[in-house]
């Protein structure tokens, strides 16, 4: 190519090889890419495992059961026992979320665990107070 001649459109000089050629995959500003960008969940990570969506947990169900236990526990004693089931479910969900950093259900599982312990504490306190009240009535 002579110095006065212009290179064809799309031609780019590569200084590392000393050759030129057409530019591949050139994107004009404002142009929408033709291939959709979808996260590749089968890309191997540094640990050798596969990166995928985090597994689902029962954190939401545990939170709902603990809320039923806290609301129903003040009306009847039986729903407060649901908190024991909720605590088991929340602990199971926390084991799963601990294996995956930034798991979206971690906060929900932690909230269910805290609410379950609060309801169990209120349940134990209520049983102790009723027991003390019965002992007080028996001593009269």
Protein backbone atom coordinates (compact mmCIF):
# COMPACT_ATOMS: atom_id res chain seq x y z
CA UNK A 1 0.00 0.00 0.00
CA UNK A 2 1.33 3.42 -0.93
CA UNK A 3 1.48 6.22 1.66
CA UNK A 4 -1.07 8.35 -0.20
CA UNK A 5 -3.64 5.56 -0.41
CA UNK A 6 -6.27 5.13 2.29
CA UNK A 7 -6.81 1.67 3.79
CA UNK A 8 -10.19 0.06 3.20
CA UNK A 9 -12.85 0.63 5.82
CA UNK A 10 -12.57 -1.89 8.69
CA UNK A 11 -8.82 -2.31 8.15
CA UNK A 12 -6.59 -2.10 11.20
CA UNK A 13 -2.80 -2.32 11.49
CA UNK A 14 -1.46 -4.73 14.13
CA UNK A 15 1.99 -3.46 15.24
CA UNK A 16 2.85 -6.74 17.04
CA UNK A 17 2.72 -8.82 13.87
CA UNK A 18 3.46 -6.07 11.36
CA UNK A 19 0.39 -7.01 9.34
CA UNK A 20 -3.03 -5.60 8.90
CA UNK A 21 -6.38 -7.12 8.37
CA UNK A 22 -10.09 -6.54 8.77
CA UNK A 23 -11.30 -5.70 12.26
CA UNK A 24 -13.40 -8.49 13.76
CA UNK A 25 -16.34 -7.98 16.13
CA UNK A 26 -16.30 -4.21 15.84
CA UNK A 27 -19.24 -2.58 17.62
CA UNK A 28 -20.50 0.82 16.56
CA UNK A 29 -21.43 3.06 19.47
CA UNK A 30 -25.11 2.69 20.27
CA UNK A 31 -25.45 -0.61 18.43
CA UNK A 32 -27.29 -3.38 20.27
CA UNK A 33 -25.29 -6.62 20.43
CA UNK A 34 -26.80 -9.39 18.33
CA UNK A 35 -26.11 -12.17 20.84
CA UNK A 36 -27.85 -11.87 24.22
CA UNK A 37 -25.63 -11.75 27.27
CA UNK A 38 -26.72 -14.60 29.50
CA UNK A 39 -24.74 -15.56 32.61
CA UNK A 40 -22.78 -18.73 31.99
CA UNK A 41 -23.53 -20.94 34.99
CA UNK A 42 -21.31 -23.75 33.72
CA UNK A 43 -18.06 -21.76 33.92
CA UNK A 44 -15.55 -23.50 36.18
CA UNK A 45 -14.41 -21.46 39.17
CA UNK A 46 -10.92 -21.41 40.65
CA UNK A 47 -11.81 -24.17 43.10
CA UNK A 48 -12.70 -26.51 40.27
CA UNK A 49 -16.45 -26.51 41.01
CA UNK A 50 -19.20 -25.20 38.79
CA UNK A 51 -20.74 -21.80 39.40
CA UNK A 52 -24.51 -21.93 39.41
CA UNK A 53 -27.49 -20.35 41.05
CA UNK A 54 -27.59 -20.90 44.81
CA UNK A 55 -29.87 -23.69 46.00
CA UNK A 56 -33.26 -22.79 47.38
CA UNK A 57 -33.96 -23.02 51.09
CA UNK A 58 -36.98 -23.14 53.40
CA UNK A 59 -36.08 -19.78 54.95
CA UNK A 60 -39.33 -18.09 53.93
CA UNK A 61 -41.43 -20.97 55.25
CA UNK A 62 -39.48 -20.88 58.52
CA UNK A 63 -40.12 -17.15 58.83
CA UNK A 64 -43.84 -17.56 58.18
CA UNK A 65 -44.11 -20.39 60.71
CA UNK A 66 -42.24 -18.34 63.34
CA UNK A 67 -44.57 -15.38 62.69
CA UNK A 68 -47.58 -17.67 63.11
CA UNK A 69 -46.00 -18.87 66.32
CA UNK A 70 -45.42 -15.37 67.70
CA UNK A 71 -48.91 -14.12 66.77
CA UNK A 72 -50.76 -17.29 67.69
CA UNK A 73 -48.64 -17.90 70.78
CA UNK A 74 -50.23 -14.98 72.59
CA UNK A 75 -53.72 -16.26 71.83
CA UNK A 76 -53.22 -20.01 72.18
CA UNK A 77 -50.22 -21.99 73.44
CA UNK A 78 -50.17 -24.56 70.66
CA UNK A 79 -48.97 -22.26 67.82
CA UNK A 80 -46.00 -21.24 69.96
CA UNK A 81 -44.77 -24.81 69.56
CA UNK A 82 -44.53 -24.10 65.81
CA UNK A 83 -41.45 -22.08 66.67
CA UNK A 84 -39.54 -25.25 67.43
CA UNK A 85 -40.29 -26.49 63.91
CA UNK A 86 -39.36 -23.06 62.56
CA UNK A 87 -36.06 -23.12 64.45
CA UNK A 88 -35.13 -26.48 62.94
CA UNK A 89 -36.01 -25.21 59.44
CA UNK A 90 -34.11 -21.93 59.96
CA UNK A 91 -31.00 -23.76 61.17
CA UNK A 92 -31.17 -26.03 58.13
CA UNK A 93 -31.48 -23.01 55.84
CA UNK A 94 -28.55 -21.29 57.58
CA UNK A 95 -26.36 -24.34 56.98
CA UNK A 96 -27.09 -24.08 53.27
CA UNK A 97 -26.63 -20.30 53.11
CA UNK A 98 -23.31 -20.51 54.97
CA UNK A 99 -21.89 -22.55 52.10
CA UNK A 100 -22.76 -19.86 49.53
CA UNK A 101 -21.52 -16.32 50.26
CA UNK A 102 -24.13 -13.60 49.61
CA UNK A 103 -26.97 -16.13 49.43
CA UNK A 104 -30.24 -14.21 49.08
CA UNK A 105 -32.02 -16.26 51.79
CA UNK A 106 -29.41 -15.71 54.51
CA UNK A 107 -31.15 -12.70 56.08
CA UNK A 108 -34.56 -14.40 55.99
CA UNK A 109 -33.17 -17.54 57.65
CA UNK A 110 -31.41 -15.46 60.32
CA UNK A 111 -34.64 -13.52 61.02
CA UNK A 112 -36.60 -16.77 61.31
CA UNK A 113 -33.99 -18.16 63.73
CA UNK A 114 -34.08 -15.03 65.91
CA UNK A 115 -37.89 -14.91 65.97
CA UNK A 116 -38.03 -18.60 66.81
CA UNK A 117 -35.68 -18.15 69.77
CA UNK A 118 -37.74 -15.16 70.98
CA UNK A 119 -40.97 -17.17 70.83
CA UNK A 120 -39.35 -20.16 72.55
CA UNK A 121 -38.04 -17.83 75.27
CA UNK A 122 -41.51 -16.32 75.75
CA UNK A 123 -42.97 -19.86 75.84
CA UNK A 124 -40.51 -20.96 78.54
CA UNK A 125 -41.11 -17.76 80.51
CA UNK A 126 -44.87 -18.29 80.30
CA UNK A 127 -44.59 -21.90 81.49
CA UNK A 128 -42.39 -20.83 84.43
CA UNK A 129 -44.80 -18.03 85.39
CA UNK A 130 -47.80 -20.36 85.22
CA UNK A 131 -45.90 -22.91 87.33
CA UNK A 132 -45.07 -20.26 89.93
CA UNK A 133 -48.68 -19.09 89.94
CA UNK A 134 -49.91 -22.67 90.51
CA UNK A 135 -47.38 -23.11 93.34
CA UNK A 136 -48.57 -19.86 94.87
CA UNK A 137 -52.20 -21.01 94.73
CA UNK A 138 -51.29 -24.38 96.30
CA UNK A 139 -49.55 -22.71 99.24
CA UNK A 140 -52.62 -20.66 100.21
